[in-house]
């Protein structure tokens, strides 16, 4: 194996390790309460459910945000770059 091929192989290995690290950090953020609250607050500002008080809407939006979080985490964790 020549030096160029060795360097390309090592660079590829390091890039894959870095991508895995970024994916793990992103998954941690996706699963965080901070992200869930951000989604829930965004929905609360954008959507008004008729005949439902704001105090009752908040838990509904938190539940939907939790569902969105779980779906995104499943999609991201199942995705592998280049595989």
N, C-alpha and C. Protein backbone atom coordinates (compact mmCIF):
# COMPACT_ATOMS: atom_id res chain seq x y z
N UNK A 1 0.86 -1.18 0.00
CA UNK A 1 0.00 0.00 0.00
C UNK A 1 0.90 1.23 0.00
N UNK A 2 0.61 2.14 -0.90
CA UNK A 2 1.43 3.34 -0.97
C UNK A 2 0.98 4.38 0.06
N UNK A 3 1.76 5.40 0.22
CA UNK A 3 1.52 6.42 1.25
C UNK A 3 0.20 7.15 1.02
N UNK A 4 -0.13 7.41 -0.26
CA UNK A 4 -1.37 8.12 -0.56
C UNK A 4 -2.58 7.30 -0.12
N UNK A 5 -2.58 6.02 -0.43
CA UNK A 5 -3.69 5.15 -0.05
C UNK A 5 -3.80 5.05 1.47
N UNK A 6 -2.66 4.99 2.16
CA UNK A 6 -2.67 4.92 3.63
C UNK A 6 -3.26 6.20 4.22
N UNK A 7 -2.88 7.34 3.67
CA UNK A 7 -3.39 8.62 4.19
C UNK A 7 -4.89 8.75 3.93
N UNK A 8 -5.34 8.31 2.75
CA UNK A 8 -6.77 8.36 2.44
C UNK A 8 -7.54 7.45 3.38
N UNK A 9 -7.02 6.26 3.64
CA UNK A 9 -7.69 5.32 4.55
C UNK A 9 -7.77 5.90 5.96
N UNK A 10 -6.68 6.50 6.43
CA UNK A 10 -6.67 7.09 7.77
C UNK A 10 -7.63 8.28 7.84
N UNK A 11 -7.63 9.12 6.81
CA UNK A 11 -8.54 10.28 6.78
C UNK A 11 -9.99 9.82 6.78
N UNK A 12 -10.29 8.76 6.04
CA UNK A 12 -11.65 8.22 6.00
C UNK A 12 -12.05 7.69 7.37
N UNK A 13 -11.15 6.99 8.01
CA UNK A 13 -11.42 6.46 9.35
C UNK A 13 -11.69 7.58 10.35
N UNK A 14 -10.86 8.62 10.32
CA UNK A 14 -11.05 9.76 11.22
C UNK A 14 -12.35 10.50 10.93
N UNK A 15 -12.69 10.64 9.66
CA UNK A 15 -13.95 11.32 9.29
C UNK A 15 -15.15 10.54 9.79
N UNK A 16 -15.10 9.21 9.69
CA UNK A 16 -16.20 8.38 10.18
C UNK A 16 -16.33 8.48 11.71
N UNK A 17 -15.19 8.51 12.40
CA UNK A 17 -15.23 8.67 13.86
C UNK A 17 -15.83 10.02 14.24
N UNK A 18 -15.43 11.06 13.52
CA UNK A 18 -15.96 12.39 13.80
C UNK A 18 -17.46 12.45 13.50
N UNK A 19 -17.90 11.84 12.42
CA UNK A 19 -19.32 11.82 12.08
C UNK A 19 -20.12 11.09 13.14
N UNK A 20 -19.57 9.98 13.65
CA UNK A 20 -20.25 9.25 14.72
C UNK A 20 -20.36 10.10 15.98
N UNK A 21 -19.31 10.84 16.31
CA UNK A 21 -19.33 11.72 17.48
C UNK A 21 -20.36 12.83 17.34
N UNK A 22 -20.42 13.41 16.16
CA UNK A 22 -21.39 14.47 15.90
C UNK A 22 -22.81 13.91 15.98
N UNK A 23 -23.01 12.73 15.41
CA UNK A 23 -24.33 12.10 15.45
C UNK A 23 -24.76 11.86 16.90
N UNK A 24 -23.85 11.37 17.73
CA UNK A 24 -24.16 11.11 19.14
C UNK A 24 -24.51 12.41 19.87
N UNK A 25 -23.74 13.47 19.63
CA UNK A 25 -24.02 14.76 20.27
C UNK A 25 -25.37 15.31 19.82
N UNK A 26 -25.68 15.15 18.53
CA UNK A 26 -26.95 15.61 18.00
C UNK A 26 -28.10 14.83 18.62
N UNK A 27 -27.93 13.51 18.77
CA UNK A 27 -28.97 12.68 19.40
C UNK A 27 -29.20 13.10 20.84
N UNK A 28 -28.13 13.41 21.56
CA UNK A 28 -28.28 13.88 22.94
C UNK A 28 -29.12 15.15 22.98
N UNK A 29 -28.83 16.09 22.06
CA UNK A 29 -29.59 17.32 22.03
C UNK A 29 -31.05 17.05 21.66
N UNK A 30 -31.27 16.16 20.69
CA UNK A 30 -32.64 15.83 20.29
C UNK A 30 -33.45 15.28 21.46
N UNK A 31 -32.79 14.54 22.35
CA UNK A 31 -33.48 13.91 23.47
C UNK A 31 -33.58 14.82 24.69
N UNK A 32 -33.02 16.02 24.61
CA UNK A 32 -32.99 16.92 25.77
C UNK A 32 -34.33 17.60 26.02
N UNK A 33 -34.54 17.99 27.27
CA UNK A 33 -35.74 18.75 27.63
C UNK A 33 -35.75 20.10 26.94
N UNK A 34 -34.57 20.69 26.76
CA UNK A 34 -34.47 21.99 26.10
C UNK A 34 -35.07 21.94 24.70
N UNK A 35 -34.76 20.90 23.94
CA UNK A 35 -35.29 20.75 22.58
C UNK A 35 -36.79 20.50 22.61
N UNK A 36 -37.24 19.67 23.55
CA UNK A 36 -38.67 19.39 23.67
C UNK A 36 -39.46 20.66 23.99
N UNK A 37 -38.95 21.46 24.91
CA UNK A 37 -39.62 22.71 25.28
C UNK A 37 -39.64 23.68 24.09
N UNK A 38 -38.54 23.74 23.35
CA UNK A 38 -38.48 24.62 22.19
C UNK A 38 -39.53 24.23 21.16
N UNK A 39 -39.68 22.93 20.90
CA UNK A 39 -40.69 22.47 19.95
C UNK A 39 -42.10 22.78 20.47
N UNK A 40 -42.35 22.48 21.74
CA UNK A 40 -43.67 22.70 22.33
C UNK A 40 -44.04 24.18 22.31
N UNK A 41 -43.10 25.05 22.65
CA UNK A 41 -43.38 26.49 22.64
C UNK A 41 -43.64 26.99 21.23
N UNK A 42 -42.90 26.46 20.27
CA UNK A 42 -43.12 26.85 18.87
C UNK A 42 -44.51 26.46 18.39
N UNK A 43 -44.93 25.25 18.75
CA UNK A 43 -46.28 24.81 18.37
C UNK A 43 -47.33 25.66 19.08
N UNK A 44 -47.09 25.97 20.35
CA UNK A 44 -48.05 26.74 21.13
C UNK A 44 -48.25 28.13 20.52
N UNK A 45 -47.17 28.73 20.04
CA UNK A 45 -47.26 30.05 19.43
C UNK A 45 -47.94 29.99 18.06
N UNK A 46 -47.73 28.91 17.33
CA UNK A 46 -48.24 28.81 15.95
C UNK A 46 -49.66 28.25 15.86
N UNK A 47 -50.06 27.47 16.89
CA UNK A 47 -51.34 26.77 16.81
C UNK A 47 -52.23 27.17 17.97
N UNK A 48 -53.48 27.46 17.67
CA UNK A 48 -54.47 27.74 18.70
C UNK A 48 -55.59 26.71 18.55
N UNK A 49 -55.76 25.89 19.57
CA UNK A 49 -56.81 24.88 19.53
C UNK A 49 -58.10 25.55 20.03
N UNK A 50 -59.14 25.64 19.18
CA UNK A 50 -60.37 26.31 19.59
C UNK A 50 -61.00 25.65 20.82
N UNK A 51 -61.52 26.47 21.69
CA UNK A 51 -62.25 26.05 22.89
C UNK A 51 -61.37 25.34 23.92
N UNK A 52 -60.05 25.46 23.78
CA UNK A 52 -59.13 24.87 24.76
C UNK A 52 -58.27 25.99 25.33
N UNK A 53 -58.24 26.08 26.65
CA UNK A 53 -57.45 27.13 27.31
C UNK A 53 -55.96 26.84 27.13
N UNK A 54 -55.17 27.92 27.19
CA UNK A 54 -53.72 27.80 27.03
C UNK A 54 -53.12 26.83 28.05
N UNK A 55 -53.66 26.82 29.26
CA UNK A 55 -53.14 25.94 30.31
C UNK A 55 -53.34 24.46 29.94
N UNK A 56 -54.39 24.19 29.19
CA UNK A 56 -54.67 22.82 28.76
C UNK A 56 -53.89 22.46 27.48
N UNK A 57 -53.57 23.49 26.67
CA UNK A 57 -52.84 23.24 25.44
C UNK A 57 -51.39 22.84 25.71
N UNK A 58 -50.78 23.45 26.71
CA UNK A 58 -49.36 23.21 26.97
C UNK A 58 -49.01 21.73 27.13
N UNK A 59 -49.74 20.96 27.95
CA UNK A 59 -49.40 19.54 28.05
C UNK A 59 -49.60 18.77 26.75
N UNK A 60 -50.58 19.18 25.96
CA UNK A 60 -50.81 18.53 24.67
C UNK A 60 -49.60 18.74 23.76
N UNK A 61 -49.13 19.98 23.71
CA UNK A 61 -47.98 20.29 22.87
C UNK A 61 -46.71 19.61 23.38
N UNK A 62 -46.56 19.47 24.69
CA UNK A 62 -45.40 18.75 25.24
C UNK A 62 -45.43 17.29 24.82
N UNK A 63 -46.62 16.68 24.83
CA UNK A 63 -46.74 15.28 24.41
C UNK A 63 -46.42 15.12 22.92
N UNK A 64 -46.90 16.05 22.12
CA UNK A 64 -46.62 15.99 20.68
C UNK A 64 -45.12 16.23 20.44
N UNK A 65 -44.54 17.17 21.18
CA UNK A 65 -43.11 17.43 21.05
C UNK A 65 -42.29 16.20 21.43
N UNK A 66 -42.73 15.48 22.45
CA UNK A 66 -42.05 14.25 22.86
C UNK A 66 -42.11 13.21 21.75
N UNK A 67 -43.26 13.10 21.11
CA UNK A 67 -43.42 12.18 19.99
C UNK A 67 -42.49 12.57 18.84
N UNK A 68 -42.43 13.85 18.53
CA UNK A 68 -41.55 14.34 17.47
C UNK A 68 -40.09 14.04 17.81
N UNK A 69 -39.72 14.27 19.07
CA UNK A 69 -38.36 13.97 19.51
C UNK A 69 -38.02 12.51 19.28
N UNK A 70 -38.90 11.63 19.69
CA UNK A 70 -38.65 10.20 19.56
C UNK A 70 -38.52 9.79 18.09
N UNK A 71 -39.39 10.33 17.24
CA UNK A 71 -39.32 10.01 15.82
C UNK A 71 -38.01 10.50 15.20
N UNK A 72 -37.63 11.72 15.51
CA UNK A 72 -36.37 12.26 14.98
C UNK A 72 -35.17 11.44 15.46
N UNK A 73 -35.18 11.06 16.73
CA UNK A 73 -34.08 10.27 17.28
C UNK A 73 -33.99 8.91 16.57
N UNK A 74 -35.13 8.29 16.31
CA UNK A 74 -35.12 7.00 15.61
C UNK A 74 -34.60 7.16 14.18
N UNK A 75 -35.00 8.22 13.51
CA UNK A 75 -34.54 8.45 12.15
C UNK A 75 -33.03 8.70 12.11
N UNK A 76 -32.56 9.58 13.00
CA UNK A 76 -31.14 9.92 13.02
C UNK A 76 -30.28 8.74 13.45
N UNK A 77 -30.71 8.00 14.45
CA UNK A 77 -29.90 6.87 14.92
C UNK A 77 -29.86 5.75 13.91
N UNK A 78 -30.87 5.66 13.06
CA UNK A 78 -30.89 4.63 12.03
C UNK A 78 -30.11 5.04 10.80
N UNK A 79 -29.82 6.32 10.67
CA UNK A 79 -29.12 6.81 9.49
C UNK A 79 -27.61 6.67 9.69
N UNK A 80 -26.97 6.04 8.73
CA UNK A 80 -25.51 5.93 8.74
C UNK A 80 -25.00 6.53 7.45
N UNK A 81 -24.02 7.40 7.55
CA UNK A 81 -23.47 8.05 6.37
C UNK A 81 -22.68 7.05 5.53
N UNK A 82 -23.01 6.99 4.27
CA UNK A 82 -22.27 6.16 3.35
C UNK A 82 -22.49 4.67 3.51
N UNK A 83 -23.53 4.28 4.24
CA UNK A 83 -23.77 2.85 4.45
C UNK A 83 -25.20 2.52 4.12
